[in-house]
Amino acid sequence: MQMNIKKLIITALASTSLVVSGVAIKGAADDFWSGHNDLAQTANNIDAVVSAYNVKKEKLATAKTDLATAKSDLANAQANVSQLTQQLASLQTQYNNDTASLQAQIQTKMQEVQTAINDGNQKVAAKQTEIDNLQQRYDNLNSQVSSLKQQLAEAQSTASSATSAKESTNQDLAQAQSEASSLKAKSQSVAESVTNDANQ
């Protein structure tokens, strides 16, 4: 029973309040709906901002991933550059060593060739000197042979004159014989000298 009375009292008070404030509520209704539209638009704007933020966030995450990949690629490239630099330095050192060794070998070969040329020139000069000496000895022997032939001709002429001249004295004949004997001895000496030179 008390509950029903309480409900009636509350209902009456509410009705009275509605009647009293009816006019005021109606006047504020327009302002309320205008604010509601603003709030809805603000909510939409917030949603747009959140959406844009999420897009930017995704792009930032992608950019961070790309940056990490780029850093990794850069590190790999730097490692490759370092390795290639070391290989280049090693190849340059090997090239320098090989070039120096080759130059040393070439210099040694050139010295050997020059030494061989000098030895050859010395041998040629020695052989030419030997030939010149032999030629000189040949010329000397040839001169001696020519001289002996001249002396032989003179002796033969003297002997012929002595033989044909009946009035020649025995002294002339003896002289001719002596010259012939001397000529024989000289020719024998020359012949032996020529033979010895030929055998040497």
N, C-alpha and C. Protein backbone atom coordinates (compact mmCIF):
# COMPACT_ATOMS: atom_id res chain seq x y z
N MET A 1 0.82 -1.20 0.00
CA MET A 1 0.00 0.00 0.00
C MET A 1 0.86 1.25 0.00
N GLN A 2 1.87 1.27 0.85
CA GLN A 2 2.79 2.40 0.91
C GLN A 2 3.53 2.56 -0.40
N MET A 3 3.87 1.45 -1.07
CA MET A 3 4.57 1.51 -2.35
C MET A 3 3.70 2.16 -3.39
N ASN A 4 2.40 1.84 -3.40
CA ASN A 4 1.51 2.44 -4.39
C ASN A 4 1.40 3.94 -4.18
N ILE A 5 1.30 4.32 -2.92
CA ILE A 5 1.22 5.75 -2.61
C ILE A 5 2.49 6.46 -3.07
N LYS A 6 3.61 5.81 -2.81
CA LYS A 6 4.90 6.40 -3.20
C LYS A 6 4.97 6.59 -4.70
N LYS A 7 4.46 5.59 -5.45
CA LYS A 7 4.47 5.67 -6.90
C LYS A 7 3.57 6.79 -7.38
N LEU A 8 2.42 6.93 -6.72
CA LEU A 8 1.50 7.98 -7.11
C LEU A 8 2.11 9.35 -6.88
N ILE A 9 2.76 9.48 -5.74
CA ILE A 9 3.40 10.77 -5.42
C ILE A 9 4.46 11.10 -6.45
N ILE A 10 5.27 10.09 -6.79
CA ILE A 10 6.35 10.32 -7.75
C ILE A 10 5.78 10.67 -9.11
N THR A 11 4.67 9.98 -9.45
CA THR A 11 4.04 10.25 -10.76
C THR A 11 3.47 11.65 -10.80
N ALA A 12 2.86 12.05 -9.72
CA ALA A 12 2.28 13.39 -9.67
C ALA A 12 3.35 14.45 -9.76
N LEU A 13 4.42 14.23 -9.03
CA LEU A 13 5.52 15.21 -9.08
C LEU A 13 6.13 15.29 -10.46
N ALA A 14 6.24 14.13 -11.07
CA ALA A 14 6.82 14.13 -12.41
C ALA A 14 5.91 14.83 -13.39
N SER A 15 4.61 14.59 -13.26
CA SER A 15 3.66 15.24 -14.18
C SER A 15 3.69 16.74 -13.98
N THR A 16 3.73 17.12 -12.72
CA THR A 16 3.77 18.56 -12.44
C THR A 16 5.03 19.18 -13.02
N SER A 17 6.14 18.47 -12.85
CA SER A 17 7.41 18.99 -13.38
C SER A 17 7.37 19.09 -14.88
N LEU A 18 6.73 18.12 -15.50
CA LEU A 18 6.66 18.15 -16.97
C LEU A 18 5.79 19.29 -17.44
N VAL A 19 4.69 19.48 -16.71
CA VAL A 19 3.79 20.57 -17.12
C VAL A 19 4.48 21.91 -16.94
N VAL A 20 5.18 22.04 -15.79
CA VAL A 20 5.83 23.32 -15.51
C VAL A 20 6.97 23.60 -16.48
N SER A 21 7.78 22.52 -16.73
CA SER A 21 8.97 22.76 -17.57
C SER A 21 8.74 22.42 -19.03
N GLY A 22 7.50 22.13 -19.39
CA GLY A 22 7.23 21.73 -20.78
C GLY A 22 7.67 22.77 -21.77
N VAL A 23 7.31 24.00 -21.45
CA VAL A 23 7.64 25.08 -22.39
C VAL A 23 9.16 25.24 -22.52
N ALA A 24 9.86 25.17 -21.37
CA ALA A 24 11.33 25.35 -21.40
C ALA A 24 12.02 24.23 -22.16
N ILE A 25 11.50 23.00 -21.97
CA ILE A 25 12.12 21.85 -22.66
C ILE A 25 11.93 21.98 -24.16
N LYS A 26 10.77 22.41 -24.56
CA LYS A 26 10.52 22.55 -26.00
C LYS A 26 11.45 23.60 -26.60
N GLY A 27 11.72 24.65 -25.85
CA GLY A 27 12.59 25.70 -26.39
C GLY A 27 14.04 25.25 -26.53
N ALA A 28 14.47 24.36 -25.62
CA ALA A 28 15.88 23.92 -25.67
C ALA A 28 16.11 22.75 -26.60
N ALA A 29 15.01 22.19 -27.12
CA ALA A 29 15.16 20.99 -27.97
C ALA A 29 15.97 21.28 -29.22
N ASP A 30 15.68 22.44 -29.81
CA ASP A 30 16.41 22.76 -31.05
C ASP A 30 17.91 22.88 -30.81
N ASP A 31 18.26 23.55 -29.69
CA ASP A 31 19.69 23.68 -29.38
C ASP A 31 20.33 22.31 -29.11
N PHE A 32 19.57 21.43 -28.47
CA PHE A 32 20.10 20.09 -28.17
C PHE A 32 20.42 19.33 -29.45
N TRP A 33 19.53 19.33 -30.42
CA TRP A 33 19.78 18.57 -31.66
C TRP A 33 20.89 19.19 -32.48
N SER A 34 21.02 20.49 -32.40
CA SER A 34 22.15 21.14 -33.10
C SER A 34 23.47 20.70 -32.48
N GLY A 35 23.57 20.63 -31.18
CA GLY A 35 24.80 20.15 -30.51
C GLY A 35 25.07 18.70 -30.81
N HIS A 36 23.98 17.91 -30.91
CA HIS A 36 24.16 16.50 -31.24
C HIS A 36 24.80 16.34 -32.62
N ASN A 37 24.38 17.15 -33.57
CA ASN A 37 24.98 17.08 -34.91
C ASN A 37 26.46 17.44 -34.88
N ASP A 38 26.76 18.46 -34.05
CA ASP A 38 28.18 18.84 -33.93
C ASP A 38 29.01 17.70 -33.34
N LEU A 39 28.42 17.06 -32.31
CA LEU A 39 29.13 15.93 -31.70
C LEU A 39 29.31 14.79 -32.69
N ALA A 40 28.28 14.55 -33.51
CA ALA A 40 28.39 13.48 -34.52
C ALA A 40 29.47 13.80 -35.54
N GLN A 41 29.49 15.09 -35.94
CA GLN A 41 30.53 15.50 -36.90
C GLN A 41 31.92 15.40 -36.29
N THR A 42 31.99 15.79 -35.01
CA THR A 42 33.28 15.67 -34.30
C THR A 42 33.73 14.22 -34.23
N ALA A 43 32.74 13.33 -33.95
CA ALA A 43 33.07 11.90 -33.90
C ALA A 43 33.56 11.41 -35.25
N ASN A 44 32.87 11.89 -36.29
CA ASN A 44 33.32 11.51 -37.64
C ASN A 44 34.74 12.02 -37.92
N ASN A 45 34.95 13.27 -37.48
CA ASN A 45 36.30 13.85 -37.68
C ASN A 45 37.35 13.05 -36.92
N ILE A 46 36.98 12.65 -35.69
CA ILE A 46 37.93 11.84 -34.89
C ILE A 46 38.20 10.52 -35.58
N ASP A 47 37.12 9.91 -36.12
CA ASP A 47 37.32 8.64 -36.85
C ASP A 47 38.25 8.84 -38.05
N ALA A 48 38.05 9.98 -38.75
CA ALA A 48 38.92 10.25 -39.90
C ALA A 48 40.37 10.43 -39.46
N VAL A 49 40.54 11.16 -38.33
CA VAL A 49 41.90 11.37 -37.80
C VAL A 49 42.53 10.04 -37.40
N VAL A 50 41.72 9.20 -36.71
CA VAL A 50 42.23 7.89 -36.29
C VAL A 50 42.60 7.05 -37.50
N SER A 51 41.73 7.11 -38.53
CA SER A 51 42.01 6.34 -39.75
C SER A 51 43.31 6.83 -40.40
N ALA A 52 43.43 8.17 -40.50
CA ALA A 52 44.66 8.73 -41.08
C ALA A 52 45.87 8.37 -40.23
N TYR A 53 45.68 8.40 -38.90
CA TYR A 53 46.78 8.03 -38.00
C TYR A 53 47.21 6.59 -38.21
N ASN A 54 46.20 5.71 -38.35
CA ASN A 54 46.51 4.30 -38.58
C ASN A 54 47.26 4.10 -39.90
N VAL A 55 46.81 4.87 -40.94
CA VAL A 55 47.52 4.78 -42.23
C VAL A 55 48.97 5.24 -42.07
N LYS A 56 49.13 6.38 -41.38
CA LYS A 56 50.49 6.88 -41.15
C LYS A 56 51.31 5.90 -40.32
N LYS A 57 50.62 5.28 -39.35
CA LYS A 57 51.31 4.31 -38.50
C LYS A 57 51.79 3.12 -39.32
N GLU A 58 50.91 2.66 -40.24
CA GLU A 58 51.31 1.54 -41.10
C GLU A 58 52.46 1.95 -42.02
N LYS A 59 52.35 3.17 -42.57
CA LYS A 59 53.44 3.65 -43.43
C LYS A 59 54.74 3.77 -42.64
N LEU A 60 54.63 4.25 -41.38
CA LEU A 60 55.82 4.36 -40.53
C LEU A 60 56.43 3.00 -40.27
N ALA A 61 55.55 2.01 -40.00
CA ALA A 61 56.05 0.64 -39.77
C ALA A 61 56.74 0.11 -41.02
N THR A 62 56.09 0.38 -42.19
CA THR A 62 56.70 -0.06 -43.45
C THR A 62 58.04 0.64 -43.68
N ALA A 63 58.06 1.95 -43.38
CA ALA A 63 59.30 2.71 -43.55
C ALA A 63 60.40 2.18 -42.63
N LYS A 64 60.01 1.84 -41.38
CA LYS A 64 60.99 1.28 -40.45
C LYS A 64 61.53 -0.05 -40.96
N THR A 65 60.60 -0.86 -41.51
CA THR A 65 61.04 -2.14 -42.08
C THR A 65 61.98 -1.92 -43.26
N ASP A 66 61.58 -0.97 -44.13
CA ASP A 66 62.44 -0.66 -45.29
C ASP A 66 63.79 -0.12 -44.83
N LEU A 67 63.77 0.71 -43.77
CA LEU A 67 65.02 1.26 -43.25
C LEU A 67 65.91 0.15 -42.71
N ALA A 68 65.30 -0.78 -41.97
CA ALA A 68 66.07 -1.91 -41.44
C ALA A 68 66.66 -2.73 -42.58
N THR A 69 65.83 -2.95 -43.63
CA THR A 69 66.33 -3.70 -44.79
C THR A 69 67.47 -2.94 -45.48
N ALA A 70 67.28 -1.62 -45.62
CA ALA A 70 68.32 -0.81 -46.26
C ALA A 70 69.61 -0.83 -45.44
N LYS A 71 69.47 -0.76 -44.10
CA LYS A 71 70.66 -0.83 -43.24
C LYS A 71 71.36 -2.17 -43.40
N SER A 72 70.56 -3.23 -43.46
CA SER A 72 71.14 -4.57 -43.65
C SER A 72 71.84 -4.67 -45.00
N ASP A 73 71.17 -4.14 -46.05
CA ASP A 73 71.79 -4.15 -47.38
C ASP A 73 73.07 -3.32 -47.39
N LEU A 74 73.03 -2.17 -46.70
CA LEU A 74 74.22 -1.32 -46.62
C LEU A 74 75.36 -2.03 -45.90
N ALA A 75 75.02 -2.70 -44.80
CA ALA A 75 76.05 -3.45 -44.06
C ALA A 75 76.65 -4.54 -44.94
N ASN A 76 75.78 -5.25 -45.68
CA ASN A 76 76.28 -6.29 -46.58
C ASN A 76 77.15 -5.70 -47.67
N ALA A 77 76.70 -4.56 -48.22
CA ALA A 77 77.48 -3.91 -49.28
C ALA A 77 78.83 -3.45 -48.74
N GLN A 78 78.83 -2.88 -47.52
CA GLN A 78 80.09 -2.45 -46.92
C GLN A 78 81.02 -3.63 -46.67
N ALA A 79 80.43 -4.75 -46.24
CA ALA A 79 81.23 -5.96 -46.03
C ALA A 79 81.83 -6.43 -47.34
N ASN A 80 81.00 -6.39 -48.41
CA ASN A 80 81.50 -6.80 -49.73
C ASN A 80 82.60 -5.86 -50.21
N VAL A 81 82.40 -4.55 -49.98
CA VAL A 81 83.43 -3.57 -50.37
C VAL A 81 84.72 -3.84 -49.61
N SER A 82 84.60 -4.10 -48.31
CA SER A 82 85.79 -4.39 -47.50
C SER A 82 86.50 -5.64 -48.01
N GLN A 83 85.71 -6.68 -48.31
CA GLN A 83 86.30 -7.93 -48.82
C GLN A 83 86.97 -7.70 -50.17
N LEU A 84 86.27 -6.97 -51.05
CA LEU A 84 86.84 -6.69 -52.37
C LEU A 84 88.09 -5.82 -52.25
N THR A 85 88.08 -4.89 -51.29
CA THR A 85 89.26 -4.05 -51.07
C THR A 85 90.45 -4.89 -50.63
N GLN A 86 90.20 -5.84 -49.74
CA GLN A 86 91.26 -6.74 -49.30
C GLN A 86 91.77 -7.59 -50.45
N GLN A 87 90.83 -8.10 -51.27
CA GLN A 87 91.24 -8.90 -52.43
C GLN A 87 92.06 -8.06 -53.40
N LEU A 88 91.64 -6.81 -53.61
CA LEU A 88 92.38 -5.92 -54.50
C LEU A 88 93.78 -5.67 -53.97
N ALA A 89 93.88 -5.42 -52.67
CA ALA A 89 95.20 -5.19 -52.06
C ALA A 89 96.08 -6.43 -52.21
N SER A 90 95.48 -7.61 -51.99
CA SER A 90 96.23 -8.86 -52.14
C SER A 90 96.70 -9.05 -53.57
N LEU A 91 95.79 -8.80 -54.52
CA LEU A 91 96.16 -8.93 -55.94
C LEU A 91 97.23 -7.91 -56.32
N GLN A 92 97.12 -6.69 -55.78
CA GLN A 92 98.12 -5.67 -56.09
C GLN A 92 99.49 -6.07 -55.54
N THR A 93 99.49 -6.62 -54.33
CA THR A 93 100.75 -7.09 -53.75
C THR A 93 101.34 -8.22 -54.58
N GLN A 94 100.48 -9.18 -54.98
CA GLN A 94 100.94 -10.29 -55.81
C GLN A 94 101.47 -9.78 -57.15
N TYR A 95 100.75 -8.80 -57.73
CA TYR A 95 101.19 -8.23 -59.01
C TYR A 95 102.55 -7.56 -58.86
N ASN A 96 102.72 -6.79 -57.78
CA ASN A 96 104.00 -6.11 -57.56
C ASN A 96 105.12 -7.12 -57.38
N ASN A 97 104.86 -8.19 -56.60
CA ASN A 97 105.88 -9.21 -56.39
C ASN A 97 106.22 -9.93 -57.68
N ASP A 98 105.18 -10.30 -58.45
CA ASP A 98 105.42 -10.99 -59.72
C ASP A 98 106.17 -10.10 -60.70
N THR A 99 105.80 -8.82 -60.73
CA THR A 99 106.48 -7.88 -61.62
C THR A 99 107.94 -7.72 -61.24
N ALA A 100 108.20 -7.59 -59.94
CA ALA A 100 109.59 -7.46 -59.47
C ALA A 100 110.39 -8.71 -59.80
N SER A 101 109.77 -9.89 -59.59
CA SER A 101 110.46 -11.14 -59.90
C SER A 101 110.75 -11.25 -61.39
N LEU A 102 109.76 -10.88 -62.21
CA LEU A 102 109.95 -10.94 -63.66
C LEU A 102 111.04 -9.98 -64.10
N GLN A 103 111.04 -8.79 -63.54
CA GLN A 103 112.08 -7.81 -63.90
C GLN A 103 113.46 -8.34 -63.51
N ALA A 104 113.54 -8.97 -62.34
CA ALA A 104 114.82 -9.54 -61.91
C ALA A 104 115.27 -10.65 -62.86
N GLN A 105 114.33 -11.51 -63.29
CA GLN A 105 114.67 -12.57 -64.23
C GLN A 105 115.12 -12.00 -65.57
N ILE A 106 114.40 -10.97 -66.03
CA ILE A 106 114.78 -10.34 -67.30
C ILE A 106 116.18 -9.73 -67.19
N GLN A 107 116.45 -9.05 -66.07
CA GLN A 107 117.76 -8.44 -65.88
C GLN A 107 118.86 -9.50 -65.85
N THR A 108 118.57 -10.62 -65.17
CA THR A 108 119.55 -11.71 -65.11
C THR A 108 119.81 -12.27 -66.50
N LYS A 109 118.74 -12.50 -67.27
CA LYS A 109 118.90 -13.02 -68.63
C LYS A 109 119.68 -12.05 -69.51
N MET A 110 119.40 -10.75 -69.35
CA MET A 110 120.12 -9.75 -70.14
C MET A 110 121.61 -9.77 -69.80
N GLN A 111 121.91 -9.91 -68.51
CA GLN A 111 123.31 -9.99 -68.11
C GLN A 111 123.98 -11.24 -68.67
N GLU A 112 123.23 -12.37 -68.64
CA GLU A 112 123.78 -13.61 -69.20
C GLU A 112 124.04 -13.46 -70.70
N VAL A 113 123.08 -12.85 -71.41
CA VAL A 113 123.26 -12.66 -72.85
C VAL A 113 124.43 -11.74 -73.13
N GLN A 114 124.53 -10.64 -72.36
CA GLN A 114 125.63 -9.71 -72.56
C GLN A 114 126.98 -10.37 -72.27
N THR A 115 127.00 -11.20 -71.22
CA THR A 115 128.23 -11.93 -70.91
C THR A 115 128.60 -12.88 -72.04
N ALA A 116 127.58 -13.58 -72.59
CA ALA A 116 127.84 -14.49 -73.71
C ALA A 116 128.34 -13.72 -74.93
N ILE A 117 127.75 -12.53 -75.17
CA ILE A 117 128.20 -11.71 -76.30
C ILE A 117 129.64 -11.27 -76.10
N ASN A 118 129.96 -10.84 -74.88
CA ASN A 118 131.34 -10.42 -74.60
C ASN A 118 132.31 -11.58 -74.78
N ASP A 119 131.93 -12.76 -74.27
CA ASP A 119 132.79 -13.93 -74.45
C ASP A 119 132.97 -14.25 -75.93
N GLY A 120 131.85 -14.18 -76.68
CA GLY A 120 131.93 -14.45 -78.11
C GLY A 120 132.84 -13.45 -78.81
N ASN A 121 132.70 -12.18 -78.44
CA ASN A 121 133.56 -11.16 -79.05
C ASN A 121 135.03 -11.40 -78.73
N GLN A 122 135.30 -11.81 -77.49
CA GLN A 122 136.69 -12.10 -77.11
C GLN A 122 137.23 -13.29 -77.90
N LYS A 123 136.39 -14.32 -78.05
CA LYS A 123 136.83 -15.50 -78.81
C LYS A 123 137.06 -15.15 -80.28
N VAL A 124 136.15 -14.33 -80.83
CA VAL A 124 136.32 -13.91 -82.22
C VAL A 124 137.60 -13.09 -82.38
N ALA A 125 137.82 -12.17 -81.43
CA ALA A 125 139.04 -11.35 -81.50
C ALA A 125 140.29 -12.22 -81.38
N ALA A 126 140.24 -13.21 -80.47
CA ALA A 126 141.40 -14.10 -80.32
C ALA A 126 141.63 -14.91 -81.59
N LYS A 127 140.54 -15.42 -82.19
CA LYS A 127 140.67 -16.20 -83.42
C LYS A 127 141.17 -15.32 -84.56
N GLN A 128 140.71 -14.07 -84.61
CA GLN A 128 141.18 -13.16 -85.66
C GLN A 128 142.67 -12.88 -85.49
N THR A 129 143.09 -12.71 -84.24
CA THR A 129 144.52 -12.50 -83.98
C THR A 129 145.32 -13.72 -84.43
N GLU A 130 144.79 -14.91 -84.13
CA GLU A 130 145.47 -16.14 -84.56
C GLU A 130 145.55 -16.22 -86.09
N ILE A 131 144.45 -15.86 -86.75
CA ILE A 131 144.45 -15.88 -88.22
C ILE A 131 145.44 -14.86 -88.77
N ASP A 132 145.45 -13.67 -88.15
CA ASP A 132 146.39 -12.63 -88.60
C ASP A 132 147.83 -13.09 -88.44
N ASN A 133 148.12 -13.75 -87.31
CA ASN A 133 149.48 -14.26 -87.09
C ASN A 133 149.85 -15.33 -88.13
N LEU A 134 148.89 -16.23 -88.39
CA LEU A 134 149.16 -17.26 -89.41
C LEU A 134 149.35 -16.64 -90.79
N GLN A 135 148.56 -15.62 -91.09
CA GLN A 135 148.71 -14.94 -92.38
C GLN A 135 150.08 -14.28 -92.48
N GLN A 136 150.50 -13.67 -91.38
CA GLN A 136 151.82 -13.03 -91.37
C GLN A 136 152.93 -14.06 -91.57
N ARG A 137 152.81 -15.19 -90.92
CA ARG A 137 153.81 -16.25 -91.09
C ARG A 137 153.79 -16.78 -92.52
N TYR A 138 152.58 -16.92 -93.08
CA TYR A 138 152.49 -17.38 -94.46
C TYR A 138 153.14 -16.38 -95.40
N ASP A 139 152.87 -15.09 -95.17
CA ASP A 139 153.47 -14.06 -96.02
C ASP A 139 154.99 -14.08 -95.91
N ASN A 140 155.49 -14.27 -94.68
CA ASN A 140 156.95 -14.33 -94.50
C ASN A 140 157.55 -15.53 -95.23
N LEU A 141 156.89 -16.68 -95.09
CA LEU A 141 157.39 -17.88 -95.78
C LEU A 141 157.31 -17.72 -97.29
N ASN A 142 156.25 -17.11 -97.76
CA ASN A 142 156.11 -16.89 -99.20
C ASN A 142 157.21 -15.97 -99.71
N SER A 143 157.53 -14.95 -98.89
CA SER A 143 158.62 -14.05 -99.27
C SER A 143 159.95 -14.79 -99.31
N GLN A 144 160.15 -15.68 -98.33
CA GLN A 144 161.39 -16.47 -98.33
C GLN A 144 161.47 -17.39 -99.54
N VAL A 145 160.34 -18.00 -99.91
CA VAL A 145 160.32 -18.88 -101.09
C VAL A 145 160.65 -18.09 -102.35
N SER A 146 160.06 -16.90 -102.45
CA SER A 146 160.33 -16.06 -103.62
C SER A 146 161.81 -15.69 -103.69
N SER A 147 162.36 -15.35 -102.52
CA SER A 147 163.79 -15.01 -102.49
C SER A 147 164.65 -16.20 -102.89
N LEU A 148 164.29 -17.39 -102.41
CA LEU A 148 165.05 -18.59 -102.75
C LEU A 148 164.93 -18.90 -104.24
N LYS A 149 163.74 -18.70 -104.79
CA LYS A 149 163.58 -18.92 -106.23
C LYS A 149 164.47 -17.98 -107.03
N GLN A 150 164.55 -16.73 -106.58
CA GLN A 150 165.41 -15.77 -107.27
C GLN A 150 166.87 -16.18 -107.16
N GLN A 151 167.27 -16.59 -105.96
CA GLN A 151 168.66 -17.04 -105.78
C GLN A 151 168.94 -18.29 -106.61
N LEU A 152 167.95 -19.20 -106.69
CA LEU A 152 168.12 -20.41 -107.49
C LEU A 152 168.31 -20.07 -108.96
N ALA A 153 167.49 -19.11 -109.42
CA ALA A 153 167.61 -18.69 -110.82
C ALA A 153 168.99 -18.10 -111.09
N GLU A 154 169.43 -17.28 -110.14
CA GLU A 154 170.76 -16.68 -110.31
C GLU A 154 171.86 -17.75 -110.28
N ALA A 155 171.73 -18.72 -109.38
CA ALA A 155 172.74 -19.78 -109.29
C ALA A 155 172.74 -20.64 -110.55
N GLN A 156 171.50 -20.94 -111.04
CA GLN A 156 171.42 -21.72 -112.27
C GLN A 156 172.04 -20.97 -113.45
N SER A 157 171.79 -19.64 -113.45
CA SER A 157 172.39 -18.84 -114.52
C SER A 157 173.91 -18.85 -114.42
N THR A 158 174.39 -18.73 -113.18
CA THR A 158 175.85 -18.75 -112.98
C THR A 158 176.44 -20.10 -113.37
N ALA A 159 175.74 -21.18 -112.96
CA ALA A 159 176.23 -22.52 -113.30
C ALA A 159 176.21 -22.75 -114.80
N SER A 160 175.15 -22.25 -115.45
CA SER A 160 175.07 -22.42 -116.91
C SER A 160 176.17 -21.65 -117.61
N SER A 161 176.41 -20.45 -117.09
CA SER A 161 177.49 -19.65 -117.69
C SER A 161 178.84 -20.31 -117.48
N ALA A 162 179.02 -20.86 -116.27
CA ALA A 162 180.30 -21.50 -115.98
C ALA A 162 180.50 -22.76 -116.83
N THR A 163 179.41 -23.50 -117.07
CA THR A 163 179.52 -24.74 -117.85
C THR A 163 179.78 -24.45 -119.33
N SER A 164 179.09 -23.45 -119.85
CA SER A 164 179.21 -23.16 -121.29
C SER A 164 180.50 -22.43 -121.63
N ALA A 165 181.08 -21.79 -120.63
CA ALA A 165 182.32 -21.04 -120.91
C ALA A 165 183.52 -21.94 -120.65
N LYS A 166 184.10 -22.41 -121.71
CA LYS A 166 185.22 -23.33 -121.58
C LYS A 166 186.44 -22.66 -120.99
N GLU A 167 186.53 -21.36 -121.22
CA GLU A 167 187.69 -20.67 -120.72
C GLU A 167 187.53 -20.24 -119.27
N SER A 168 186.31 -20.57 -118.65
CA SER A 168 186.11 -20.15 -117.25
C SER A 168 187.08 -20.91 -116.36
N THR A 169 187.47 -20.33 -115.35
CA THR A 169 188.43 -20.93 -114.44
C THR A 169 187.72 -21.90 -113.50
N ASN A 170 188.50 -22.81 -112.96
CA ASN A 170 187.98 -23.75 -111.96
C ASN A 170 187.45 -23.02 -110.72
N GLN A 171 187.98 -21.85 -110.49
CA GLN A 171 187.52 -21.08 -109.33
C GLN A 171 186.06 -20.65 -109.50
N ASP A 172 185.72 -20.20 -110.73
CA ASP A 172 184.33 -19.81 -110.99
C ASP A 172 183.38 -21.00 -110.82
N LEU A 173 183.84 -22.17 -111.32
CA LEU A 173 183.01 -23.36 -111.20
C LEU A 173 182.82 -23.75 -109.73
N ALA A 174 183.93 -23.65 -108.99
CA ALA A 174 183.85 -23.98 -107.57
C ALA A 174 182.90 -23.02 -106.83
N GLN A 175 182.95 -21.76 -107.25
CA GLN A 175 182.07 -20.77 -106.63
C GLN A 175 180.61 -21.09 -106.95
N ALA A 176 180.37 -21.48 -108.19
CA ALA A 176 179.00 -21.82 -108.57
C ALA A 176 178.51 -23.04 -107.80
N GLN A 177 179.39 -24.02 -107.65
CA GLN A 177 179.01 -25.21 -106.89
C GLN A 177 178.74 -24.86 -105.42
N SER A 178 179.58 -23.95 -104.89
CA SER A 178 179.39 -23.54 -103.50
C SER A 178 178.06 -22.82 -103.32
N GLU A 179 177.74 -21.96 -104.29
CA GLU A 179 176.46 -21.24 -104.22
C GLU A 179 175.29 -22.21 -104.34
N ALA A 180 175.46 -23.23 -105.22
CA ALA A 180 174.39 -24.22 -105.37
C ALA A 180 174.21 -25.00 -104.08
N SER A 181 175.32 -25.36 -103.45
CA SER A 181 175.24 -26.10 -102.19
C SER A 181 174.58 -25.26 -101.09
N SER A 182 174.98 -23.96 -101.04
CA SER A 182 174.40 -23.05 -100.05
C SER A 182 172.90 -22.87 -100.29
N LEU A 183 172.55 -22.76 -101.57
CA LEU A 183 171.15 -22.60 -101.92
C LEU A 183 170.34 -23.83 -101.54
N LYS A 184 170.95 -25.01 -101.72
CA LYS A 184 170.28 -26.24 -101.34
C LYS A 184 169.99 -26.26 -99.84
N ALA A 185 170.99 -25.83 -99.07
CA ALA A 185 170.83 -25.81 -97.61
C ALA A 185 169.72 -24.84 -97.19
N LYS A 186 169.68 -23.68 -97.83
CA LYS A 186 168.65 -22.69 -97.51
C LYS A 186 167.26 -23.20 -97.88
N SER A 187 167.18 -23.81 -99.07
CA SER A 187 165.87 -24.33 -99.51
C SER A 187 165.39 -25.45 -98.60
N GLN A 188 166.36 -26.25 -98.13
CA GLN A 188 166.00 -27.32 -97.20
C GLN A 188 165.45 -26.75 -95.89
N SER A 189 166.08 -25.66 -95.42
CA SER A 189 165.64 -25.01 -94.18
C SER A 189 164.25 -24.41 -94.35
N VAL A 190 164.02 -23.77 -95.50
CA VAL A 190 162.71 -23.17 -95.75
C VAL A 190 161.63 -24.24 -95.85
N ALA A 191 161.97 -25.34 -96.53
CA ALA A 191 161.01 -26.43 -96.70
C ALA A 191 160.62 -27.02 -95.35
N GLU A 192 161.62 -27.20 -94.48
CA GLU A 192 161.33 -27.72 -93.15
C GLU A 192 160.45 -26.74 -92.35
N SER A 193 160.75 -25.44 -92.50
CA SER A 193 159.96 -24.43 -91.79
C SER A 193 158.51 -24.43 -92.26
N VAL A 194 158.32 -24.52 -93.60
CA VAL A 194 156.96 -24.55 -94.17
C VAL A 194 156.22 -25.80 -93.69
N THR A 195 156.95 -26.93 -93.67
CA THR A 195 156.33 -28.18 -93.23
C THR A 195 155.91 -28.09 -91.77
N ASN A 196 156.77 -27.52 -90.95
CA ASN A 196 156.44 -27.38 -89.53
C ASN A 196 155.23 -26.46 -89.32
N ASP A 197 155.18 -25.36 -90.07
CA ASP A 197 154.04 -24.44 -89.96
C ASP A 197 152.76 -25.11 -90.41
N ALA A 198 152.87 -25.92 -91.45
CA ALA A 198 151.67 -26.61 -91.95
C ALA A 198 151.16 -27.62 -90.95
N ASN A 199 152.05 -28.22 -90.21
CA ASN A 199 151.66 -29.25 -89.23
C ASN A 199 151.14 -28.64 -87.93
N GLN A 200 151.40 -27.38 -87.71
CA GLN A 200 150.97 -26.76 -86.45
C GLN A 200 149.50 -26.39 -86.51
